[in-house]
Amino acid sequence: MNYLTGFFGGLVGIMMAILPVTILWTVLTGGTMFGMDVIQNLGDLVQTFADGGFTGLVVLLVVLSFFVKK
């Protein structure tokens, strides 16, 4: 179990390090990186939470709790 937790923790760490680079690339070049429009995807995610009302707020808090170091 520790192996899987360490693996997925490292994978999320890599993705969280790549995210700002992809946003910066999109802002500077106007193009996509890895075939994805990261800014549009983040906007869609925020809109999904906003459309959910109170339930969306609760889900957002649960998701954010995964990224807060304890």
Protein backbone atom coordinates (compact mmCIF):
# COMPACT_ATOMS: atom_id res chain seq x y z
CA MET A 1 0.00 0.00 0.00
CA ASN A 2 2.88 2.39 0.78
CA TYR A 3 4.31 1.69 -2.68
CA LEU A 4 1.04 2.66 -4.41
CA THR A 5 0.61 5.74 -2.24
CA GLY A 6 4.16 6.86 -3.01
CA PHE A 7 3.72 6.17 -6.72
CA PHE A 8 0.48 8.12 -7.07
CA GLY A 9 1.79 10.90 -4.83
CA GLY A 10 4.81 11.26 -7.10
CA LEU A 11 2.61 11.19 -10.21
CA VAL A 12 0.38 13.96 -8.85
CA GLY A 13 3.50 15.92 -7.89
CA ILE A 14 4.79 15.72 -11.46
CA MET A 15 1.44 16.78 -12.90
CA MET A 16 1.22 19.73 -10.49
CA ALA A 17 4.71 20.81 -11.62
CA ILE A 18 3.79 20.57 -15.32
CA LEU A 19 0.51 22.50 -14.95
CA PRO A 20 2.06 26.00 -14.50
CA VAL A 21 4.40 25.36 -17.43
CA THR A 22 1.50 24.45 -19.71
CA ILE A 23 -0.46 27.53 -18.62
CA LEU A 24 2.56 29.75 -19.26
CA TRP A 25 3.11 28.13 -22.67
CA THR A 26 -0.52 28.75 -23.64
CA VAL A 27 -0.38 32.39 -22.52
CA LEU A 28 2.92 33.12 -24.26
CA THR A 29 2.35 31.28 -27.54
CA GLY A 30 -1.42 31.09 -27.81
CA GLY A 31 -1.05 27.42 -28.76
CA THR A 32 -1.79 24.22 -26.98
CA MET A 33 0.60 21.88 -25.25
CA PHE A 34 0.21 18.10 -25.48
CA GLY A 35 -2.85 18.72 -27.69
CA MET A 36 -4.84 20.17 -24.77
CA ASP A 37 -6.06 23.69 -24.08
CA VAL A 38 -5.26 23.75 -20.37
CA ILE A 39 -6.82 27.15 -19.68
CA GLN A 40 -10.10 26.13 -21.34
CA ASN A 41 -10.14 22.86 -19.39
CA LEU A 42 -9.57 24.67 -16.09
CA GLY A 43 -12.32 27.14 -16.97
CA ASP A 44 -14.69 24.27 -17.74
CA LEU A 45 -13.84 22.63 -14.42
CA VAL A 46 -14.54 25.81 -12.47
CA GLN A 47 -17.80 26.29 -14.38
CA THR A 48 -18.86 22.74 -13.52
CA PHE A 49 -18.33 23.43 -9.82
CA ALA A 50 -20.20 26.74 -10.13
CA ASP A 51 -23.16 25.08 -11.86
CA GLY A 52 -23.37 22.54 -9.04
CA GLY A 53 -24.44 25.14 -6.46
CA PHE A 54 -24.00 23.96 -2.88
CA THR A 55 -23.12 20.44 -4.00
CA GLY A 56 -20.44 21.85 -6.29
CA LEU A 57 -18.99 23.81 -3.38
CA VAL A 58 -18.85 20.70 -1.21
CA VAL A 59 -17.19 18.68 -3.98
CA LEU A 60 -14.70 21.50 -4.58
CA LEU A 61 -13.76 21.51 -0.89
CA VAL A 62 -13.30 17.74 -0.93
CA VAL A 63 -11.09 17.93 -4.04
CA LEU A 64 -9.04 20.78 -2.56
CA SER A 65 -8.51 18.77 0.63
CA PHE A 66 -6.52 16.24 -1.42
CA PHE A 67 -4.01 18.93 -2.40
CA VAL A 68 -3.50 20.54 1.01
CA LYS A 69 -0.49 19.17 2.85
CA LYS A 70 -1.20 18.16 6.40
